[in-house]
Amino acid sequence: MLIYMNLTPVVLYDYVHELVRMGYPGAEITLEPSLDVETVITVSAHKEDNVLVFAGEIRQEEKTTDLSYLYNLPDENEQNEMHKAARIFIFKLLHKHLGKRVNTYGILTGVRPVKLVHRFLDKGYLPDAIKEILKEEYLLQEDKAELLTEVACNNRSYLLNKDEAHKLVSIYIGIPFCPSRCYYCSFPGAVLRSYEDEIPPFLKALTFEIEAISAFLNRKQVKVQTIYIGGGTPTVLSEKDTEYLFRLIKDNFISVCTSEITVEAGRPDTLTYSKLKILKEAGVNRVCINPQSMHDATLRAIGRNHDVKGVVEAFEWARKAGIENINMDIIVGLPGEGLKENAHTAERILLLQPENVTVHTLAVKRGAKMAEKEGKTVSKNQIEKVQKGVKYFSDVLNEAGYIPYYLYRQKYMQASMENTGFSKNDRFCLYNIQMIEERQTIIGLGGGAASKFVNSEDWTLSSLYNPKNPEVYCETVYNLVNRKVDKLKCLN
């Protein structure tokens, strides 16, 4: 479907297009009139004194829906309120035309909706009052308002205060290689084709970046609280290179302030008992062993080079190695899976008793083989299956003693849902909380790593991204280090 948006002023596009995409999954949006257009959305907005006046309509085949809306602007934060008002208007217009809510999270379309709850908690609002604000002002469904508030209250005590945030950072190290590319993955160039050609130059560049950032942190007496090694698949490294990497990490980042080291050991086909022992002896106290599904047919369909037996074996190796905090990722919405398959996956995972379970909603992004073959349009039946699956996992995990402690969303998520980390009460992943709630500077090193530089005075931040392509990363690492140091100087 091609949708023409006729907007006055055109800047409204920046505020409303994500909600339109949610209302029409898979549609293409244009700001230019065309004979091929199937749906026309017209919206105009202007200000009269302290009131924003909206008018709009949706014309689609034989059906036309119109709506007018007045929004009283407060004296403060007028620009933010204009964004909010535009979203409220398009949400109401889409709801009226389509006869359904286009987003279970109301007008919230960002990655980190829990941050909004923390802002209200900072101002002294009580949880019940925040839930009502989320429902009435931001148009969230009641269950989503409750979920966001619960997550914020669960992780609130782990957030740093302003003094702590000034002297404690976390480190992310990205190893941008995988043994194969998953069907739903949009990460280009991640498949490791020649270990000897690709890994040594990458590790050389990573060594330079680690040592340079460490030197700056030491000069400023900034300590590292948590370290997260992700990817790609970091356990694709050989045992020798794994030992080298962790000697490097120990020499440069570890101190008495370092409370958590996580490794994404997500692909069981890259694991051995001896490699997991190396991780344990290096100080790793949390690993992620990620089946995504506990069905062999699904694993074959999504391009994983392992089976369910391999998942269980890897988990048992990790336990035998002495790792006491294990996370397992699953994905709701995988091809061919519904509630029956979700229930089987939940049953098999709970038998293993991991400390953390992260429930992801499938997001089909541009560049993924799945998007190229099947497109991004989601059927009504699939939306219902995903909604039921996400609720099922939430219910069964809560019943088993797991509580939600961090949450984020992504573009193109099926059924407008979320990714939620569940944990036993005393086993939260600190890095996940710091990364999602953005109350701590996260320094990203390696391929595809994102850095978030947080100003603890007002919790504003700036970002810097390393190239995903390993070759480009190696070529630009010197400049990347200089840019990171410049940003860190501004904070210290």
Protein backbone atom coordinates (compact mmCIF):
# COMPACT_ATOMS: atom_id res chain seq x y z
CA MET A 1 0.00 0.00 0.00
CA LEU A 2 1.18 3.52 -0.85
CA ILE A 3 0.09 6.28 1.56
CA TYR A 4 0.31 9.97 0.67
CA MET A 5 0.61 12.25 3.69
CA ASN A 6 -0.45 15.83 2.98
CA LEU A 7 0.82 17.72 6.02
CA THR A 8 0.72 21.39 6.98
CA PRO A 9 3.33 22.11 8.23
CA VAL A 10 5.45 19.31 6.75
CA VAL A 11 7.41 19.00 10.02
CA LEU A 12 4.40 17.10 11.38
CA TYR A 13 5.83 14.08 9.57
CA ASP A 14 8.60 13.80 12.15
CA TYR A 15 6.03 13.53 14.94
CA VAL A 16 3.42 11.22 13.43
CA HIS A 17 4.90 8.89 10.80
CA GLU A 18 5.79 6.09 13.23
CA LEU A 19 2.17 5.86 14.39
CA VAL A 20 0.99 5.80 10.78
CA ARG A 21 3.39 2.92 10.09
CA MET A 22 1.92 1.06 13.05
CA GLY A 23 -1.57 1.60 11.69
CA TYR A 24 -0.53 0.36 8.24
CA PRO A 25 2.28 -2.22 8.74
CA GLY A 26 4.35 -2.69 5.62
CA ALA A 27 2.92 0.36 3.83
CA GLU A 28 5.11 2.85 1.99
CA ILE A 29 4.66 6.51 2.94
CA THR A 30 5.27 9.40 0.54
CA LEU A 31 5.02 13.16 0.87
CA GLU A 32 4.52 13.54 -2.89
CA PRO A 33 1.10 13.08 -4.58
CA SER A 34 0.94 10.18 -7.04
CA LEU A 35 -1.58 8.30 -9.15
CA ASP A 36 -0.51 5.11 -7.36
CA VAL A 37 -1.61 6.37 -3.96
CA GLU A 38 -4.23 4.17 -2.28
CA THR A 39 -4.68 6.12 0.96
CA VAL A 40 -4.46 9.87 1.60
CA ILE A 41 -3.89 11.25 5.10
CA THR A 42 -4.34 15.01 5.37
CA VAL A 43 -3.42 16.86 8.56
CA SER A 44 -3.13 20.57 9.27
CA ALA A 45 -2.16 22.31 12.49
CA HIS A 46 -1.90 25.94 13.54
CA LYS A 47 -1.68 27.88 16.77
CA GLU A 48 -4.33 30.31 18.03
CA ASP A 49 -3.14 32.02 21.22
CA ASN A 50 -2.28 29.10 23.54
CA VAL A 51 -4.32 26.54 21.62
CA LEU A 52 -3.17 24.14 18.90
CA VAL A 53 -5.90 23.57 16.31
CA PHE A 54 -5.76 20.29 14.37
CA ALA A 55 -7.90 19.15 11.47
CA GLY A 56 -7.46 16.05 9.37
CA GLU A 57 -8.96 13.24 7.36
CA ILE A 58 -8.13 9.80 6.01
CA ARG A 59 -9.43 8.83 2.57
CA GLN A 60 -9.12 5.15 1.72
CA GLU A 61 -11.10 3.61 -1.13
CA GLU A 62 -14.78 4.38 -0.39
CA LYS A 63 -14.23 5.39 3.23
CA THR A 64 -13.42 8.87 4.52
CA THR A 65 -12.86 9.74 8.18
CA ASP A 66 -12.36 13.28 9.48
CA LEU A 67 -11.48 14.70 12.88
CA SER A 68 -10.91 18.07 14.55
CA TYR A 69 -9.01 18.53 17.80
CA LEU A 70 -8.03 21.38 20.13
CA TYR A 71 -5.03 21.10 22.45
CA ASN A 72 -4.32 23.65 25.19
CA LEU A 73 -0.60 24.39 25.40
CA PRO A 74 0.97 24.86 28.84
CA ASP A 75 3.29 27.77 29.57
CA GLU A 76 6.36 25.51 29.80
CA ASN A 77 7.91 22.99 27.40
CA GLU A 78 5.76 24.23 24.53
CA GLN A 79 7.81 22.49 21.84
CA ASN A 80 7.57 19.10 23.56
CA GLU A 81 3.86 19.58 24.05
CA MET A 82 3.41 20.33 20.34
CA HIS A 83 5.02 16.96 19.53
CA LYS A 84 2.74 15.28 22.05
CA ALA A 85 -0.37 17.00 20.69
CA ALA A 86 0.38 15.96 17.10
CA ARG A 87 0.80 12.35 18.18
CA ILE A 88 -2.45 12.41 20.16
CA PHE A 89 -4.28 13.77 17.14
CA ILE A 90 -2.97 11.21 14.62
CA PHE A 91 -3.55 8.40 17.14
CA LYS A 92 -7.18 9.45 17.55
CA LEU A 93 -7.66 9.89 13.79
CA LEU A 94 -6.21 6.45 13.01
CA HIS A 95 -8.24 4.88 15.82
CA LYS A 96 -11.44 6.39 14.47
CA HIS A 97 -10.73 5.33 10.88
CA LEU A 98 -9.39 1.83 11.52
CA GLY A 99 -11.60 0.99 14.48
CA LYS A 100 -8.65 -0.20 16.56
CA ARG A 101 -5.73 1.06 18.62
CA VAL A 102 -2.69 1.25 16.38
CA ASN A 103 -0.24 1.06 19.28
CA THR A 104 -0.71 -0.61 22.65
CA TYR A 105 1.71 2.00 23.99
CA GLY A 106 -0.52 4.88 22.90
CA ILE A 107 1.51 7.78 21.53
CA LEU A 108 4.84 6.38 22.79
CA THR A 109 6.93 5.09 19.88
CA GLY A 110 10.44 5.34 21.30
CA VAL A 111 12.83 2.56 22.26
CA ARG A 112 12.90 3.32 26.00
CA PRO A 113 9.38 4.05 27.33
CA VAL A 114 10.33 3.24 30.95
CA LYS A 115 12.44 6.42 31.01
CA LEU A 116 9.21 8.43 31.03
CA VAL A 117 8.14 6.70 34.25
CA HIS A 118 11.51 7.47 35.85
CA ARG A 119 11.09 11.15 34.96
CA PHE A 120 7.77 11.20 36.81
CA LEU A 121 9.32 9.34 39.77
CA ASP A 122 12.10 11.95 39.82
CA LYS A 123 9.40 14.60 40.28
CA GLY A 124 7.86 12.74 43.21
CA TYR A 125 4.82 11.21 41.52
CA LEU A 126 3.51 8.01 43.09
CA PRO A 127 3.17 4.86 40.92
CA ASP A 128 -0.65 4.89 40.85
CA ALA A 129 -0.67 8.51 39.69
CA ILE A 130 1.88 7.70 36.97
CA LYS A 131 -0.28 4.86 35.65
CA GLU A 132 -3.22 7.22 35.29
CA ILE A 133 -1.08 9.80 33.45
CA LEU A 134 0.16 7.12 31.07
CA LYS A 135 -3.39 6.00 30.32
CA GLU A 136 -5.09 9.41 30.14
CA GLU A 137 -2.40 11.67 28.65
CA TYR A 138 -0.29 9.20 26.66
CA LEU A 139 -3.16 6.84 25.73
CA LEU A 140 -1.47 3.59 26.81
CA GLN A 141 -3.50 0.44 27.32
CA GLU A 142 -3.93 -0.27 31.01
CA ASP A 143 -1.74 -3.40 30.96
CA LYS A 144 1.13 -1.51 29.31
CA ALA A 145 0.86 1.38 31.78
CA GLU A 146 1.05 -1.15 34.61
CA LEU A 147 4.00 -2.97 33.00
CA LEU A 148 6.08 0.19 32.49
CA THR A 149 5.44 1.33 36.06
CA GLU A 150 6.29 -2.09 37.47
CA VAL A 151 9.56 -2.28 35.54
CA ALA A 152 10.59 1.21 36.68
CA CYS A 153 9.81 0.44 40.33
CA ASN A 154 11.71 -2.86 40.11
CA ASN A 155 14.91 -1.34 38.70
CA ARG A 156 14.74 2.11 40.33
CA SER A 157 17.11 1.31 43.21
CA TYR A 158 19.82 0.20 40.76
CA LEU A 159 20.06 3.57 38.99
CA LEU A 160 23.08 5.70 39.84
CA ASN A 161 22.78 9.05 41.57
CA LYS A 162 24.48 12.08 40.05
CA ASP A 163 27.74 11.67 41.97
CA GLU A 164 28.00 7.97 41.15
CA ALA A 165 27.22 8.56 37.46
CA HIS A 166 30.12 10.99 37.31
CA LYS A 167 32.67 8.40 38.39
CA LEU A 168 31.29 5.03 37.23
CA VAL A 169 30.90 3.91 33.62
CA SER A 170 30.07 0.64 31.92
CA ILE A 171 31.83 -0.91 28.93
CA TYR A 172 30.32 -2.70 25.93
CA ILE A 173 32.68 -4.69 23.70
CA GLY A 174 31.26 -5.74 20.33
CA ILE A 175 32.65 -8.81 18.52
CA PRO A 176 30.88 -8.45 15.14
CA PHE A 177 31.13 -12.02 13.88
CA CYS A 178 28.69 -14.96 13.82
CA PRO A 179 29.04 -18.56 12.60
CA SER A 180 25.96 -18.07 10.39
CA ARG A 181 23.32 -15.44 9.73
CA CYS A 182 19.87 -15.95 11.23
CA TYR A 183 16.82 -15.65 8.99
CA TYR A 184 15.49 -12.62 10.91
CA CYS A 185 18.86 -10.86 11.36
CA SER A 186 19.46 -7.50 9.65
CA PHE A 187 23.11 -7.24 10.67
CA PRO A 188 25.14 -7.18 7.41
CA GLY A 189 28.54 -8.82 7.07
CA ALA A 190 28.38 -10.65 10.38
CA VAL A 191 29.21 -14.14 9.11
CA LEU A 192 32.80 -15.18 9.87
CA ARG A 193 34.23 -16.58 6.66
CA SER A 194 37.99 -16.71 7.32
CA TYR A 195 39.14 -16.71 10.93
CA GLU A 196 42.82 -16.12 10.12
CA ASP A 197 42.07 -13.23 7.76
CA GLU A 198 39.40 -11.46 9.80
CA ILE A 199 40.03 -11.98 13.52
CA PRO A 200 43.71 -10.92 13.99
CA PRO A 201 43.31 -7.42 12.44
CA PHE A 202 40.08 -6.91 14.37
CA LEU A 203 41.69 -7.86 17.69
CA LYS A 204 44.63 -5.56 16.94
CA ALA A 205 42.26 -2.60 16.42
CA LEU A 206 40.23 -3.56 19.49
CA THR A 207 43.41 -3.74 21.59
CA PHE A 208 44.32 -0.21 20.56
CA GLU A 209 40.85 1.07 21.40
CA ILE A 210 40.70 -0.67 24.81
CA GLU A 211 44.14 0.56 25.88
CA ALA A 212 43.51 4.13 24.73
CA ILE A 213 40.16 4.42 26.53
CA SER A 214 41.59 2.75 29.63
CA ALA A 215 44.43 5.30 29.76
CA PHE A 216 41.94 8.16 29.77
CA LEU A 217 39.71 6.58 32.42
CA ASN A 218 42.70 5.94 34.67
CA ARG A 219 43.89 9.53 34.37
CA LYS A 220 40.45 10.77 35.38
CA GLN A 221 40.02 8.09 38.09
CA VAL A 222 36.82 6.84 36.46
CA LYS A 223 36.00 3.22 37.31
CA VAL A 224 34.16 0.53 35.34
CA GLN A 225 31.04 -0.89 37.02
CA THR A 226 29.91 -3.47 34.44
CA ILE A 227 31.30 -5.01 31.26
CA TYR A 228 29.18 -6.60 28.54
CA ILE A 229 30.76 -8.54 25.68
CA GLY A 230 28.27 -8.87 22.84
CA GLY A 231 28.22 -9.25 19.10
CA GLY A 232 27.62 -10.86 16.75
CA THR A 233 28.69 -13.87 18.75
CA PRO A 234 31.78 -13.22 20.93
CA THR A 235 32.19 -16.92 21.68
CA VAL A 236 33.12 -17.42 18.03
CA LEU A 237 36.65 -16.50 19.22
CA SER A 238 39.06 -19.39 19.72
CA GLU A 239 40.04 -20.35 23.25
CA LYS A 240 43.46 -18.73 22.76
CA ASP A 241 41.94 -15.46 21.56
CA THR A 242 39.30 -15.59 24.31
CA GLU A 243 42.06 -15.81 26.91
CA TYR A 244 43.89 -12.93 25.22
CA LEU A 245 40.78 -10.73 25.22
CA PHE A 246 40.09 -11.29 28.91
CA ARG A 247 43.71 -10.62 29.91
CA LEU A 248 43.31 -7.34 28.04
CA ILE A 249 40.05 -6.57 29.86
CA LYS A 250 41.54 -7.47 33.26
CA ASP A 251 44.63 -5.29 32.74
CA ASN A 252 42.62 -2.28 31.58
CA PHE A 253 39.18 -2.21 33.17
CA ILE A 254 38.79 -4.48 36.19
CA SER A 255 38.83 -3.00 39.71
CA VAL A 256 37.05 -3.52 43.02
CA CYS A 257 34.24 -1.41 41.52
CA THR A 258 33.58 -3.94 38.74
CA SER A 259 30.58 -5.97 39.87
CA GLU A 260 29.41 -7.69 36.68
CA ILE A 261 30.91 -9.18 33.52
CA THR A 262 28.45 -10.61 30.98
CA VAL A 263 29.26 -12.58 27.84
CA GLU A 264 26.78 -13.26 25.06
CA ALA A 265 27.34 -16.99 24.64
CA GLY A 266 24.19 -17.00 22.59
CA ARG A 267 25.06 -19.61 19.99
CA PRO A 268 25.51 -23.06 21.57
CA ASP A 269 27.38 -24.20 18.43
CA THR A 270 30.28 -21.90 19.42
CA LEU A 271 30.59 -23.26 22.99
CA THR A 272 32.65 -25.94 24.67
CA TYR A 273 33.00 -26.77 28.33
CA SER A 274 36.65 -25.68 28.28
CA LYS A 275 35.73 -22.31 26.75
CA LEU A 276 33.10 -21.72 29.43
CA LYS A 277 35.70 -22.62 32.08
CA ILE A 278 38.00 -19.99 30.58
CA LEU A 279 35.19 -17.41 30.90
CA LYS A 280 34.54 -18.34 34.53
CA GLU A 281 38.23 -18.22 35.45
CA ALA A 282 38.49 -14.82 33.74
CA GLY A 283 35.85 -13.38 36.09
CA VAL A 284 32.75 -13.70 33.93
CA ASN A 285 29.76 -14.02 36.27
CA ARG A 286 26.89 -13.91 33.78
CA VAL A 287 26.41 -15.55 30.38
CA CYS A 288 23.58 -15.54 27.86
CA ILE A 289 22.76 -18.89 26.24
CA ASN A 290 20.04 -18.02 23.76
CA PRO A 291 17.95 -20.74 22.14
CA GLN A 292 15.27 -18.33 20.73
CA SER A 293 13.04 -21.42 20.52
CA MET A 294 13.15 -24.94 21.93
CA HIS A 295 11.92 -26.51 18.68
CA ASP A 296 14.41 -28.10 16.30
CA ALA A 297 12.23 -27.38 13.25
CA THR A 298 12.15 -23.67 14.10
CA LEU A 299 15.91 -23.55 14.72
CA ARG A 300 16.51 -25.05 11.28
CA ALA A 301 14.06 -22.60 9.69
CA ILE A 302 15.78 -19.53 11.17
CA GLY A 303 19.30 -20.63 10.25
CA ARG A 304 20.70 -21.61 13.64
CA ASN A 305 23.52 -24.15 13.49
CA HIS A 306 22.43 -25.99 16.62
CA ASP A 307 19.52 -27.99 17.99
CA VAL A 308 17.68 -28.10 21.32
CA LYS A 309 20.02 -30.80 22.61
CA GLY A 310 22.92 -28.42 22.01
CA VAL A 311 21.19 -25.69 24.03
CA VAL A 312 20.69 -27.97 27.02
CA GLU A 313 24.27 -29.25 26.78
CA ALA A 314 25.70 -25.71 26.68
CA PHE A 315 23.58 -24.71 29.67
CA GLU A 316 24.79 -27.71 31.67
CA TRP A 317 28.42 -26.93 30.74
CA ALA A 318 27.97 -23.37 32.01
CA ARG A 319 26.61 -24.63 35.31
CA LYS A 320 29.42 -27.19 35.60
CA ALA A 321 31.95 -24.41 34.93
CA GLY A 322 30.54 -22.55 37.94
CA ILE A 323 28.60 -19.75 36.24
CA GLU A 324 25.72 -18.90 38.55
CA ASN A 325 23.85 -16.29 36.54
CA ILE A 326 22.55 -17.47 33.16
CA ASN A 327 20.16 -15.66 30.84
CA MET A 328 18.16 -17.32 28.07
CA ASP A 329 16.58 -15.35 25.20
CA ILE A 330 13.46 -16.47 23.39
CA ILE A 331 11.62 -14.83 20.49
CA VAL A 332 7.84 -14.69 20.10
CA GLY A 333 6.62 -14.59 16.50
CA LEU A 334 9.10 -16.91 14.82
CA PRO A 335 7.88 -18.62 11.60
CA GLY A 336 5.49 -21.48 12.22
CA GLU A 337 5.19 -20.88 15.95
CA GLY A 338 2.07 -20.18 18.00
CA LEU A 339 0.89 -20.61 21.57
CA LYS A 340 1.47 -24.38 21.56
CA GLU A 341 5.11 -23.95 20.55
CA ASN A 342 5.56 -21.05 23.00
CA ALA A 343 4.26 -23.22 25.84
CA HIS A 344 6.69 -26.01 24.95
CA THR A 345 9.63 -23.57 24.87
CA ALA A 346 8.63 -22.12 28.23
CA GLU A 347 8.36 -25.58 29.76
CA ARG A 348 11.81 -26.67 28.53
CA ILE A 349 13.47 -23.43 29.66
CA LEU A 350 11.93 -23.47 33.12
CA LEU A 351 13.21 -27.01 33.62
CA LEU A 352 16.72 -25.55 33.32
CA GLN A 353 15.98 -22.77 35.84
CA PRO A 354 17.99 -19.87 34.38
CA GLU A 355 18.26 -16.77 36.54
CA ASN A 356 17.14 -14.48 33.69
CA VAL A 357 14.76 -15.00 30.76
CA THR A 358 14.46 -12.29 28.12
CA VAL A 359 11.30 -12.41 26.01
CA HIS A 360 11.73 -10.72 22.61
CA THR A 361 9.04 -9.88 20.08
CA LEU A 362 10.16 -10.58 16.53
CA ALA A 363 11.12 -7.40 14.69
CA VAL A 364 11.59 -7.87 10.94
CA LYS A 365 13.94 -5.15 9.76
CA ARG A 366 15.10 -4.06 6.33
CA GLY A 367 18.10 -6.15 5.27
CA ALA A 368 16.97 -9.36 6.95
CA LYS A 369 16.44 -12.39 4.71
CA MET A 370 12.99 -12.73 6.28
CA ALA A 371 12.03 -9.19 5.21
CA GLU A 372 13.33 -9.76 1.68
CA LYS A 373 11.41 -13.02 1.29
CA GLU A 374 8.20 -12.39 3.24
CA GLY A 375 7.97 -8.60 3.51
CA LYS A 376 7.20 -6.70 6.71
CA THR A 377 3.40 -6.83 6.54
CA VAL A 378 1.94 -8.75 9.48
CA SER A 379 -1.41 -10.54 9.21
CA LYS A 380 -4.18 -10.10 11.77
CA ASN A 381 -3.78 -13.77 12.71
CA GLN A 382 -0.05 -13.32 13.33
CA ILE A 383 -0.67 -10.22 15.45
CA GLU A 384 -3.08 -12.17 17.64
CA LYS A 385 -0.63 -15.07 17.97
CA VAL A 386 2.16 -12.75 19.03
CA GLN A 387 -0.01 -10.89 21.55
CA LYS A 388 -1.11 -14.19 23.10
CA GLY A 389 2.45 -15.49 23.12
CA VAL A 390 3.90 -12.44 24.86
CA LYS A 391 1.14 -12.54 27.48
CA TYR A 392 1.62 -16.26 27.99
CA PHE A 393 5.35 -15.91 28.67
CA SER A 394 4.70 -13.01 31.05
CA ASP A 395 2.10 -14.99 32.99
CA VAL A 396 4.11 -18.23 33.20
CA LEU A 397 7.33 -16.45 34.19
CA ASN A 398 5.59 -14.38 36.85
CA GLU A 399 4.05 -17.56 38.23
CA ALA A 400 7.52 -19.15 38.33
CA GLY A 401 8.93 -16.28 40.41
CA TYR A 402 10.47 -14.09 37.70
CA ILE A 403 9.76 -10.34 37.65
CA PRO A 404 10.19 -7.82 34.80
CA TYR A 405 13.19 -5.57 35.40
CA TYR A 406 14.01 -3.92 32.06
CA LEU A 407 12.09 -3.28 28.85
CA TYR A 408 12.69 -1.78 25.45
CA ARG A 409 10.99 -1.60 22.08
CA GLN A 410 12.15 -1.65 18.45
CA LYS A 411 10.89 -0.50 15.09
CA TYR A 412 8.88 -3.04 13.10
CA MET A 413 8.03 -5.17 16.14
CA GLN A 414 5.15 -7.48 15.44
CA ALA A 415 1.87 -6.58 17.16
CA SER A 416 3.32 -3.37 18.65
CA MET A 417 4.72 -5.22 21.65
CA GLU A 418 8.04 -5.10 23.54
CA ASN A 419 11.17 -6.93 24.65
CA THR A 420 11.16 -7.62 28.39
CA GLY A 421 13.86 -8.97 30.67
CA PHE A 422 12.56 -11.17 33.48
CA SER A 423 14.71 -12.14 36.44
CA LYS A 424 14.70 -13.85 39.76
CA ASN A 425 14.51 -11.12 42.36
CA ASP A 426 18.18 -10.77 43.25
CA ARG A 427 19.75 -11.54 39.85
CA PHE A 428 19.06 -8.44 37.74
CA CYS A 429 21.60 -7.65 35.00
CA LEU A 430 23.03 -4.28 36.02
CA TYR A 431 24.36 -3.54 32.54
CA ASN A 432 20.92 -3.98 30.98
CA ILE A 433 19.41 -1.53 33.47
CA GLN A 434 22.13 1.08 32.97
CA MET A 435 22.01 0.74 29.19
CA ILE A 436 18.24 0.99 28.84
CA GLU A 437 17.51 3.66 31.46
CA GLU A 438 20.45 5.85 30.30
CA ARG A 439 21.56 7.09 33.70
CA GLN A 440 25.19 6.03 33.14
CA THR A 441 27.78 6.56 30.42
CA ILE A 442 28.25 3.41 28.36
CA ILE A 443 31.47 3.29 26.33
CA GLY A 444 31.09 1.05 23.30
CA LEU A 445 34.26 -0.57 21.91
CA GLY A 446 34.64 -2.89 18.93
CA GLY A 447 32.49 -3.51 15.87
CA GLY A 448 29.02 -1.97 15.82
CA ALA A 449 29.30 -0.76 19.42
CA ALA A 450 27.22 2.22 20.55
CA SER A 451 28.52 4.72 23.11
CA LYS A 452 26.14 6.81 25.23
CA PHE A 453 27.72 9.79 26.99
CA VAL A 454 25.45 10.85 29.85
CA ASN A 455 25.58 14.26 31.53
CA SER A 456 24.55 13.44 35.09
CA GLU A 457 23.59 17.04 35.85
CA ASP A 458 20.42 16.82 33.76
CA TRP A 459 20.55 13.25 32.34
CA THR A 460 20.94 14.48 28.77
CA LEU A 461 23.14 12.41 26.48
CA SER A 462 24.94 12.20 23.17
CA SER A 463 25.74 9.11 21.13
CA LEU A 464 28.56 7.77 19.00
CA TYR A 465 28.47 4.58 16.92
CA ASN A 466 31.35 2.39 15.78
CA PRO A 467 31.05 0.97 12.25
CA LYS A 468 29.40 -2.46 12.05
CA ASN A 469 31.68 -3.58 9.26
CA PRO A 470 34.87 -5.00 10.82
CA GLU A 471 37.13 -3.72 8.03
CA VAL A 472 35.78 -0.18 8.31
CA TYR A 473 36.13 -0.37 12.09
CA CYS A 474 39.79 -1.34 11.79
CA GLU A 475 40.44 1.49 9.34
CA THR A 476 38.80 4.19 11.49
CA VAL A 477 39.62 3.10 15.05
CA TYR A 478 42.18 5.89 15.64
CA ASN A 479 39.63 8.60 14.84
CA LEU A 480 36.95 6.78 16.84
CA VAL A 481 39.15 6.82 19.94
CA ASN A 482 39.85 10.54 19.59
CA ARG A 483 36.14 11.31 19.25
CA LYS A 484 35.30 9.21 22.33
CA VAL A 485 38.01 10.87 24.41
CA ASP A 486 36.76 14.31 23.38
CA LYS A 487 33.23 13.42 24.50
CA LEU A 488 34.49 11.96 27.79
CA LYS A 489 36.51 15.11 28.47
CA CYS A 490 33.29 17.13 28.28
CA LEU A 491 31.82 14.97 31.06
CA ASN A 492 34.96 14.86 33.23
